[in-house]
């Protein structure tokens, strides 16, 4: 029987299989974190809530002219609830300094970093109160001093030397017209979290660099006086010596203003 006619098979393709379309590797740009880190956001939120919560009892203390002991009770609560200090680990009351006693010593991880001097809520803070806490800081080698009557908080930096240099870095009036956000923004630098990270040192350096005293020093420096002398001659034709011009500038540049 004759062989049946064989049916030719489909030719095998030698072409490589078509590659799958490459996956779209383009991705949305990675989002960079916005806003402050969590620890800072938490500290600011806690502080702002405390400022609002303590405003009424603080106003009542002021209205009835509460004594220093009652003022200190509120300040202790604010230090803990608002600024984040541990009452037992971070704060030392009646800190002994050469036979005298600072109202509070502030420690961060066992290191003494500041003294706090407390006055009666209606007492207007003045230079005499500052000298009192300054003596504690000088004797203990501490750079930061807090002076408060519960409502007004002043933060001073002391730089050693002969004589020592003292700069007001922060001043906040909790009963003043500033908004809670503004008060929080300033007092944040003396929260435990910020002090631990030395943020207040950066703030002090920035503010001291542009303080009236620093600006007055720069404006009376030799390069600036020389530039002013040349500009005066160009503008008016009048020639003035540098020494005379420095005296004139000293009359109009007032660091205290």
C-alpha atoms as a PDB file:
ATOM      1  CA  UNK A   1       0.000   0.000   0.000  1.00  0.00           C
ATOM      2  CA  UNK A   2       1.503   3.232  -0.993  1.00  0.00           C
ATOM      3  CA  UNK A   3       2.740   5.491   1.836  1.00  0.00           C
ATOM      4  CA  UNK A   4       0.312   8.219   2.692  1.00  0.00           C
ATOM      5  CA  UNK A   5       1.468  11.683   1.787  1.00  0.00           C
ATOM      6  CA  UNK A   6       3.083  13.239   4.805  1.00  0.00           C
ATOM      7  CA  UNK A   7       1.862  16.643   5.858  1.00  0.00           C
ATOM      8  CA  UNK A   8       4.729  19.044   6.312  1.00  0.00           C
ATOM      9  CA  UNK A   9       5.072  20.331   9.829  1.00  0.00           C
ATOM     10  CA  UNK A  10       5.013  24.033  10.674  1.00  0.00           C
ATOM     11  CA  UNK A  11       8.466  25.485  10.355  1.00  0.00           C
ATOM     12  CA  UNK A  12      10.117  26.202  13.646  1.00  0.00           C
ATOM     13  CA  UNK A  13      10.855  29.886  14.082  1.00  0.00           C
ATOM     14  CA  UNK A  14      14.461  30.609  14.883  1.00  0.00           C
ATOM     15  CA  UNK A  15      13.754  34.213  15.886  1.00  0.00           C
ATOM     16  CA  UNK A  16      14.200  34.905  19.576  1.00  0.00           C
ATOM     17  CA  UNK A  17      10.992  35.351  21.491  1.00  0.00           C
ATOM     18  CA  UNK A  18       9.859  38.916  21.574  1.00  0.00           C
ATOM     19  CA  UNK A  19      10.962  40.518  24.799  1.00  0.00           C
ATOM     20  CA  UNK A  20       8.234  41.717  27.057  1.00  0.00           C
ATOM     21  CA  UNK A  21       7.818  45.437  27.126  1.00  0.00           C
ATOM     22  CA  UNK A  22      10.025  46.786  29.893  1.00  0.00           C
ATOM     23  CA  UNK A  23       8.160  47.653  33.010  1.00  0.00           C
ATOM     24  CA  UNK A  24       7.718  51.332  33.567  1.00  0.00           C
ATOM     25  CA  UNK A  25      10.398  52.010  36.123  1.00  0.00           C
ATOM     26  CA  UNK A  26       9.560  55.649  36.426  1.00  0.00           C
ATOM     27  CA  UNK A  27       8.322  56.410  39.877  1.00  0.00           C
ATOM     28  CA  UNK A  28       6.898  59.444  41.498  1.00  0.00           C
ATOM     29  CA  UNK A  29       9.689  61.457  43.113  1.00  0.00           C
ATOM     30  CA  UNK A  30      10.333  60.391  46.654  1.00  0.00           C
ATOM     31  CA  UNK A  31       8.656  62.723  49.034  1.00  0.00           C
ATOM     32  CA  UNK A  32      10.998  64.502  51.344  1.00  0.00           C
ATOM     33  CA  UNK A  33       9.838  64.763  54.927  1.00  0.00           C
ATOM     34  CA  UNK A  34       8.133  68.059  55.538  1.00  0.00           C
ATOM     35  CA  UNK A  35       7.854  69.817  58.845  1.00  0.00           C
ATOM     36  CA  UNK A  36       9.838  69.309  62.028  1.00  0.00           C
ATOM     37  CA  UNK A  37      10.885  65.901  63.375  1.00  0.00           C
ATOM     38  CA  UNK A  38       8.383  64.098  65.557  1.00  0.00           C
ATOM     39  CA  UNK A  39      10.151  64.852  68.839  1.00  0.00           C
ATOM     40  CA  UNK A  40      10.036  68.584  68.053  1.00  0.00           C
ATOM     41  CA  UNK A  41       6.419  68.543  66.913  1.00  0.00           C
ATOM     42  CA  UNK A  42       5.447  66.682  70.101  1.00  0.00           C
ATOM     43  CA  UNK A  43       7.376  69.119  72.304  1.00  0.00           C
ATOM     44  CA  UNK A  44       5.825  72.149  70.627  1.00  0.00           C
ATOM     45  CA  UNK A  45       2.323  70.688  70.865  1.00  0.00           C
ATOM     46  CA  UNK A  46       2.777  69.913  74.557  1.00  0.00           C
ATOM     47  CA  UNK A  47       4.155  73.384  75.265  1.00  0.00           C
ATOM     48  CA  UNK A  48       1.416  75.177  73.366  1.00  0.00           C
ATOM     49  CA  UNK A  49      -1.272  73.203  75.175  1.00  0.00           C
ATOM     50  CA  UNK A  50       0.342  74.045  78.529  1.00  0.00           C
ATOM     51  CA  UNK A  51       0.546  77.765  77.696  1.00  0.00           C
ATOM     52  CA  UNK A  52      -3.171  77.796  76.960  1.00  0.00           C
ATOM     53  CA  UNK A  53      -4.040  75.656  79.991  1.00  0.00           C
ATOM     54  CA  UNK A  54      -1.981  77.697  82.455  1.00  0.00           C
ATOM     55  CA  UNK A  55      -3.101  81.109  81.210  1.00  0.00           C
ATOM     56  CA  UNK A  56      -6.171  81.239  83.426  1.00  0.00           C
ATOM     57  CA  UNK A  57      -4.600  80.117  86.745  1.00  0.00           C
ATOM     58  CA  UNK A  58      -1.629  82.384  85.998  1.00  0.00           C
ATOM     59  CA  UNK A  59      -3.929  85.364  85.460  1.00  0.00           C
ATOM     60  CA  UNK A  60      -5.734  84.536  88.707  1.00  0.00           C
ATOM     61  CA  UNK A  61      -2.424  84.426  90.605  1.00  0.00           C
ATOM     62  CA  UNK A  62      -1.545  87.820  89.174  1.00  0.00           C
ATOM     63  CA  UNK A  63      -4.957  89.269  90.012  1.00  0.00           C
ATOM     64  CA  UNK A  64      -4.768  88.273  93.666  1.00  0.00           C
ATOM     65  CA  UNK A  65      -1.072  89.201  93.968  1.00  0.00           C
ATOM     66  CA  UNK A  66      -0.109  85.669  95.005  1.00  0.00           C
ATOM     67  CA  UNK A  67       3.001  85.204  97.103  1.00  0.00           C
ATOM     68  CA  UNK A  68       6.256  83.691  95.875  1.00  0.00           C
ATOM     69  CA  UNK A  69       5.433  80.248  97.254  1.00  0.00           C
ATOM     70  CA  UNK A  70       2.197  80.018  95.266  1.00  0.00           C
ATOM     71  CA  UNK A  71       3.976  81.355  92.206  1.00  0.00           C
ATOM     72  CA  UNK A  72       6.592  78.650  92.547  1.00  0.00           C
ATOM     73  CA  UNK A  73       3.938  75.924  92.671  1.00  0.00           C
ATOM     74  CA  UNK A  74       2.617  77.007  89.290  1.00  0.00           C
ATOM     75  CA  UNK A  75       6.110  77.360  87.856  1.00  0.00           C
ATOM     76  CA  UNK A  76       6.997  73.821  88.929  1.00  0.00           C
ATOM     77  CA  UNK A  77       3.935  72.453  87.143  1.00  0.00           C
ATOM     78  CA  UNK A  78       4.738  74.479  84.033  1.00  0.00           C
ATOM     79  CA  UNK A  79       8.346  73.279  84.024  1.00  0.00           C
ATOM     80  CA  UNK A  80       7.098  69.695  84.022  1.00  0.00           C
ATOM     81  CA  UNK A  81       3.860  69.812  82.019  1.00  0.00           C
ATOM     82  CA  UNK A  82       4.936  72.452  79.524  1.00  0.00           C
ATOM     83  CA  UNK A  83       8.714  72.320  79.242  1.00  0.00           C
ATOM     84  CA  UNK A  84       9.025  68.584  79.730  1.00  0.00           C
ATOM     85  CA  UNK A  85      11.303  68.339  82.762  1.00  0.00           C
ATOM     86  CA  UNK A  86      11.110  65.444  85.169  1.00  0.00           C
ATOM     87  CA  UNK A  87      10.395  66.808  88.619  1.00  0.00           C
ATOM     88  CA  UNK A  88      12.747  64.370  90.312  1.00  0.00           C
ATOM     89  CA  UNK A  89      15.460  63.679  87.725  1.00  0.00           C
ATOM     90  CA  UNK A  90      15.905  67.121  86.154  1.00  0.00           C
ATOM     91  CA  UNK A  91      15.034  69.713  88.804  1.00  0.00           C
ATOM     92  CA  UNK A  92      16.768  70.438  92.091  1.00  0.00           C
ATOM     93  CA  UNK A  93      15.090  72.967  94.373  1.00  0.00           C
ATOM     94  CA  UNK A  94      17.067  75.129  96.788  1.00  0.00           C
ATOM     95  CA  UNK A  95      20.338  74.312  95.016  1.00  0.00           C
ATOM     96  CA  UNK A  96      23.155  75.223  97.408  1.00  0.00           C
ATOM     97  CA  UNK A  97      25.829  77.570  96.060  1.00  0.00           C
ATOM     98  CA  UNK A  98      28.422  78.740  98.591  1.00  0.00           C
ATOM     99  CA  UNK A  99      26.017  79.171 101.445  1.00  0.00           C
ATOM    100  CA  UNK A 100      23.193  80.566  99.324  1.00  0.00           C
ATOM    101  CA  UNK A 101      20.376  78.769  97.553  1.00  0.00           C
ATOM    102  CA  UNK A 102      19.204  79.018  93.956  1.00  0.00           C
ATOM    103  CA  UNK A 103      15.503  78.343  93.525  1.00  0.00           C
ATOM    104  CA  UNK A 104      16.116  75.631  90.927  1.00  0.00           C
ATOM    105  CA  UNK A 105      19.054  73.922  89.358  1.00  0.00           C
ATOM    106  CA  UNK A 106      18.290  72.300  86.002  1.00  0.00           C
ATOM    107  CA  UNK A 107      20.044  69.112  84.955  1.00  0.00           C
ATOM    108  CA  UNK A 108      20.053  67.269  81.639  1.00  0.00           C
ATOM    109  CA  UNK A 109      21.444  63.751  81.929  1.00  0.00           C
ATOM    110  CA  UNK A 110      23.022  64.718  85.276  1.00  0.00           C
ATOM    111  CA  UNK A 111      24.803  67.755  83.842  1.00  0.00           C
ATOM    112  CA  UNK A 112      23.914  71.068  85.490  1.00  0.00           C
ATOM    113  CA  UNK A 113      23.019  73.442  82.645  1.00  0.00           C
ATOM    114  CA  UNK A 114      20.978  76.289  84.138  1.00  0.00           C
ATOM    115  CA  UNK A 115      19.737  78.048  87.253  1.00  0.00           C
ATOM    116  CA  UNK A 116      16.210  79.391  87.656  1.00  0.00           C
ATOM    117  CA  UNK A 117      15.423  82.331  89.901  1.00  0.00           C
ATOM    118  CA  UNK A 118      11.746  82.730  90.822  1.00  0.00           C
ATOM    119  CA  UNK A 119      10.039  85.936  91.921  1.00  0.00           C
ATOM    120  CA  UNK A 120       6.515  86.750  93.010  1.00  0.00           C
ATOM    121  CA  UNK A 121       4.070  86.850  90.120  1.00  0.00           C
ATOM    122  CA  UNK A 122       3.517  90.619  90.309  1.00  0.00           C
ATOM    123  CA  UNK A 123       7.202  91.445  90.808  1.00  0.00           C
ATOM    124  CA  UNK A 124       8.800  93.305  87.921  1.00  0.00           C
ATOM    125  CA  UNK A 125      12.043  91.524  87.042  1.00  0.00           C
ATOM    126  CA  UNK A 126      15.070  93.776  87.287  1.00  0.00           C
ATOM    127  CA  UNK A 127      18.863  93.898  87.274  1.00  0.00           C
ATOM    128  CA  UNK A 128      19.104  93.118  90.986  1.00  0.00           C
ATOM    129  CA  UNK A 129      17.312  89.801  90.474  1.00  0.00           C
ATOM    130  CA  UNK A 130      19.602  89.034  87.550  1.00  0.00           C
ATOM    131  CA  UNK A 131      22.723  89.709  89.621  1.00  0.00           C
ATOM    132  CA  UNK A 132      21.451  87.257  92.201  1.00  0.00           C
ATOM    133  CA  UNK A 133      21.193  84.340  89.777  1.00  0.00           C
ATOM    134  CA  UNK A 134      24.340  85.505  87.961  1.00  0.00           C
ATOM    135  CA  UNK A 135      26.426  84.883  91.065  1.00  0.00           C
ATOM    136  CA  UNK A 136      25.169  81.295  91.200  1.00  0.00           C
ATOM    137  CA  UNK A 137      26.004  80.722  87.538  1.00  0.00           C
ATOM    138  CA  UNK A 138      29.510  82.206  87.813  1.00  0.00           C
ATOM    139  CA  UNK A 139      30.377  80.133  90.874  1.00  0.00           C
ATOM    140  CA  UNK A 140      29.148  76.896  89.286  1.00  0.00           C
ATOM    141  CA  UNK A 141      30.373  77.535  85.735  1.00  0.00           C
ATOM    142  CA  UNK A 142      26.858  77.450  84.277  1.00  0.00           C
ATOM    143  CA  UNK A 143      26.096  79.292  81.020  1.00  0.00           C
ATOM    144  CA  UNK A 144      22.302  79.692  81.227  1.00  0.00           C
ATOM    145  CA  UNK A 145      20.087  81.582  83.660  1.00  0.00           C
ATOM    146  CA  UNK A 146      16.284  81.704  83.709  1.00  0.00           C
ATOM    147  CA  UNK A 147      14.614  84.561  85.527  1.00  0.00           C
ATOM    148  CA  UNK A 148      10.833  84.343  85.930  1.00  0.00           C
ATOM    149  CA  UNK A 149       7.821  85.484  87.893  1.00  0.00           C
ATOM    150  CA  UNK A 150       5.646  82.859  86.250  1.00  0.00           C
ATOM    151  CA  UNK A 151       4.301  85.262  83.645  1.00  0.00           C
ATOM    152  CA  UNK A 152       7.528  86.736  82.258  1.00  0.00           C
ATOM    153  CA  UNK A 153      10.315  84.322  81.338  1.00  0.00           C
ATOM    154  CA  UNK A 154      13.773  85.713  80.640  1.00  0.00           C
ATOM    155  CA  UNK A 155      16.606  83.510  79.413  1.00  0.00           C
ATOM    156  CA  UNK A 156      20.111  84.916  79.817  1.00  0.00           C
ATOM    157  CA  UNK A 157      23.431  83.612  78.559  1.00  0.00           C
ATOM    158  CA  UNK A 158      26.602  84.295  80.507  1.00  0.00           C
ATOM    159  CA  UNK A 159      30.042  84.237  78.928  1.00  0.00           C
ATOM    160  CA  UNK A 160      32.989  83.959  81.282  1.00  0.00           C
ATOM    161  CA  UNK A 161      35.736  86.567  81.336  1.00  0.00           C
ATOM    162  CA  UNK A 162      36.767  89.751  83.089  1.00  0.00           C
ATOM    163  CA  UNK A 163      34.194  91.087  83.175  1.00  0.00           C
ATOM    164  CA  UNK A 164      31.649  88.453  82.306  1.00  0.00           C
ATOM    165  CA  UNK A 165      29.316  89.153  79.390  1.00  0.00           C
ATOM    166  CA  UNK A 166      25.563  88.663  79.811  1.00  0.00           C
ATOM    167  CA  UNK A 167      23.103  88.557  76.934  1.00  0.00           C
ATOM    168  CA  UNK A 168      19.303  88.381  76.998  1.00  0.00           C
ATOM    169  CA  UNK A 169      18.451  85.617  74.538  1.00  0.00           C
ATOM    170  CA  UNK A 170      14.715  85.076  75.106  1.00  0.00           C
ATOM    171  CA  UNK A 171      11.963  87.066  76.800  1.00  0.00           C
ATOM    172  CA  UNK A 172       8.345  85.895  76.776  1.00  0.00           C
ATOM    173  CA  UNK A 173       5.336  87.271  78.645  1.00  0.00           C
ATOM    174  CA  UNK A 174       2.748  84.518  78.994  1.00  0.00           C
ATOM    175  CA  UNK A 175       0.140  87.141  79.893  1.00  0.00           C
ATOM    176  CA  UNK A 176       1.204  89.436  77.050  1.00  0.00           C
ATOM    177  CA  UNK A 177      -0.491  90.051  73.692  1.00  0.00           C
ATOM    178  CA  UNK A 178       1.634  87.650  71.620  1.00  0.00           C
ATOM    179  CA  UNK A 179      -0.179  84.630  70.186  1.00  0.00           C
ATOM    180  CA  UNK A 180       0.205  81.153  71.703  1.00  0.00           C
ATOM    181  CA  UNK A 181       2.168  80.181  68.592  1.00  0.00           C
ATOM    182  CA  UNK A 182       4.625  83.054  69.102  1.00  0.00           C
ATOM    183  CA  UNK A 183       5.067  82.239  72.784  1.00  0.00           C
ATOM    184  CA  UNK A 184       5.564  78.577  71.942  1.00  0.00           C
ATOM    185  CA  UNK A 185       8.124  79.445  69.277  1.00  0.00           C
ATOM    186  CA  UNK A 186      10.307  81.282  71.797  1.00  0.00           C
ATOM    187  CA  UNK A 187       9.898  79.044  74.837  1.00  0.00           C
ATOM    188  CA  UNK A 188      10.470  75.907  72.759  1.00  0.00           C
ATOM    189  CA  UNK A 189      14.212  76.527  73.086  1.00  0.00           C
ATOM    190  CA  UNK A 190      14.101  75.879  76.835  1.00  0.00           C
ATOM    191  CA  UNK A 191      12.117  72.653  76.611  1.00  0.00           C
ATOM    192  CA  UNK A 192      14.044  69.654  77.828  1.00  0.00           C
ATOM    193  CA  UNK A 193      14.202  68.243  74.308  1.00  0.00           C
ATOM    194  CA  UNK A 194      15.680  71.411  72.800  1.00  0.00           C
ATOM    195  CA  UNK A 195      18.156  71.937  75.645  1.00  0.00           C
ATOM    196  CA  UNK A 196      19.348  68.345  75.295  1.00  0.00           C
ATOM    197  CA  UNK A 197      20.134  69.052  71.628  1.00  0.00           C
ATOM    198  CA  UNK A 198      21.806  72.426  72.395  1.00  0.00           C
ATOM    199  CA  UNK A 199      19.429  74.314  70.090  1.00  0.00           C
ATOM    200  CA  UNK A 200      19.476  77.285  72.432  1.00  0.00           C
ATOM    201  CA  UNK A 201      23.223  77.668  71.852  1.00  0.00           C
ATOM    202  CA  UNK A 202      22.618  78.086  68.120  1.00  0.00           C
ATOM    203  CA  UNK A 203      19.860  80.600  68.832  1.00  0.00           C
ATOM    204  CA  UNK A 204      22.114  82.621  71.132  1.00  0.00           C
ATOM    205  CA  UNK A 205      24.935  82.697  68.574  1.00  0.00           C
ATOM    206  CA  UNK A 206      22.578  83.887  65.843  1.00  0.00           C
ATOM    207  CA  UNK A 207      20.972  86.590  67.986  1.00  0.00           C
ATOM    208  CA  UNK A 208      24.212  87.797  69.538  1.00  0.00           C
ATOM    209  CA  UNK A 209      25.751  88.154  66.065  1.00  0.00           C
ATOM    210  CA  UNK A 210      23.026  90.641  65.121  1.00  0.00           C
ATOM    211  CA  UNK A 211      22.489  92.292  68.486  1.00  0.00           C
ATOM    212  CA  UNK A 212      22.592  96.119  68.726  1.00  0.00           C
ATOM    213  CA  UNK A 213      25.981  95.885  70.423  1.00  0.00           C
ATOM    214  CA  UNK A 214      27.426  93.647  67.704  1.00  0.00           C
ATOM    215  CA  UNK A 215      26.008  95.793  64.912  1.00  0.00           C
ATOM    216  CA  UNK A 216      27.303  98.980  66.538  1.00  0.00           C
ATOM    217  CA  UNK A 217      30.775  97.457  66.779  1.00  0.00           C
ATOM    218  CA  UNK A 218      30.752  96.550  63.083  1.00  0.00           C
ATOM    219  CA  UNK A 219      29.438  99.966  62.012  1.00  0.00           C
ATOM    220  CA  UNK A 220      32.261 101.677  63.909  1.00  0.00           C
ATOM    221  CA  UNK A 221      34.973  99.361  62.599  1.00  0.00           C
ATOM    222  CA  UNK A 222      37.836 100.774  60.523  1.00  0.00           C
ATOM    223  CA  UNK A 223      36.712  99.328  57.137  1.00  0.00           C
ATOM    224  CA  UNK A 224      33.181 100.717  57.536  1.00  0.00           C
ATOM    225  CA  UNK A 225      34.366 104.128  58.747  1.00  0.00           C
ATOM    226  CA  UNK A 226      36.745 104.320  55.796  1.00  0.00           C
ATOM    227  CA  UNK A 227      33.962 103.408  53.354  1.00  0.00           C
ATOM    228  CA  UNK A 228      31.662 106.065  54.860  1.00  0.00           C
ATOM    229  CA  UNK A 229      34.456 108.657  54.679  1.00  0.00           C
ATOM    230  CA  UNK A 230      34.956 107.960  50.950  1.00  0.00           C
ATOM    231  CA  UNK A 231      31.214 108.094  50.255  1.00  0.00           C
ATOM    232  CA  UNK A 232      30.876 111.408  52.100  1.00  0.00           C
ATOM    233  CA  UNK A 233      33.667 112.895  50.024  1.00  0.00           C
ATOM    234  CA  UNK A 234      32.101 111.600  46.807  1.00  0.00           C
ATOM    235  CA  UNK A 235      28.631 112.896  47.680  1.00  0.00           C
ATOM    236  CA  UNK A 236      29.544 116.251  49.190  1.00  0.00           C
ATOM    237  CA  UNK A 237      33.145 116.986  48.308  1.00  0.00           C
ATOM    238  CA  UNK A 238      33.842 117.413  52.024  1.00  0.00           C
ATOM    239  CA  UNK A 239      36.835 115.585  53.413  1.00  0.00           C
ATOM    240  CA  UNK A 240      36.682 114.335  56.993  1.00  0.00           C
ATOM    241  CA  UNK A 241      39.341 112.427  58.865  1.00  0.00           C
ATOM    242  CA  UNK A 242      38.581 108.914  60.108  1.00  0.00           C
ATOM    243  CA  UNK A 243      39.019 109.809  63.794  1.00  0.00           C
ATOM    244  CA  UNK A 244      36.592 112.706  63.529  1.00  0.00           C
ATOM    245  CA  UNK A 245      34.095 110.595  61.601  1.00  0.00           C
ATOM    246  CA  UNK A 246      34.294 107.818  64.191  1.00  0.00           C
ATOM    247  CA  UNK A 247      33.370 110.303  66.893  1.00  0.00           C
ATOM    248  CA  UNK A 248      30.422 111.542  64.853  1.00  0.00           C
ATOM    249  CA  UNK A 249      29.222 107.993  64.209  1.00  0.00           C
ATOM    250  CA  UNK A 250      29.472 107.173  67.907  1.00  0.00           C
ATOM    251  CA  UNK A 251      26.966 109.955  68.572  1.00  0.00           C
ATOM    252  CA  UNK A 252      24.354 108.491  66.241  1.00  0.00           C
ATOM    253  CA  UNK A 253      24.967 104.754  66.671  1.00  0.00           C
ATOM    254  CA  UNK A 254      23.313 103.813  69.956  1.00  0.00           C
ATOM    255  CA  UNK A 255      23.691 100.119  70.903  1.00  0.00           C
ATOM    256  CA  UNK A 256      21.047 100.538  73.593  1.00  0.00           C
ATOM    257  CA  UNK A 257      18.498 101.483  70.928  1.00  0.00           C
END
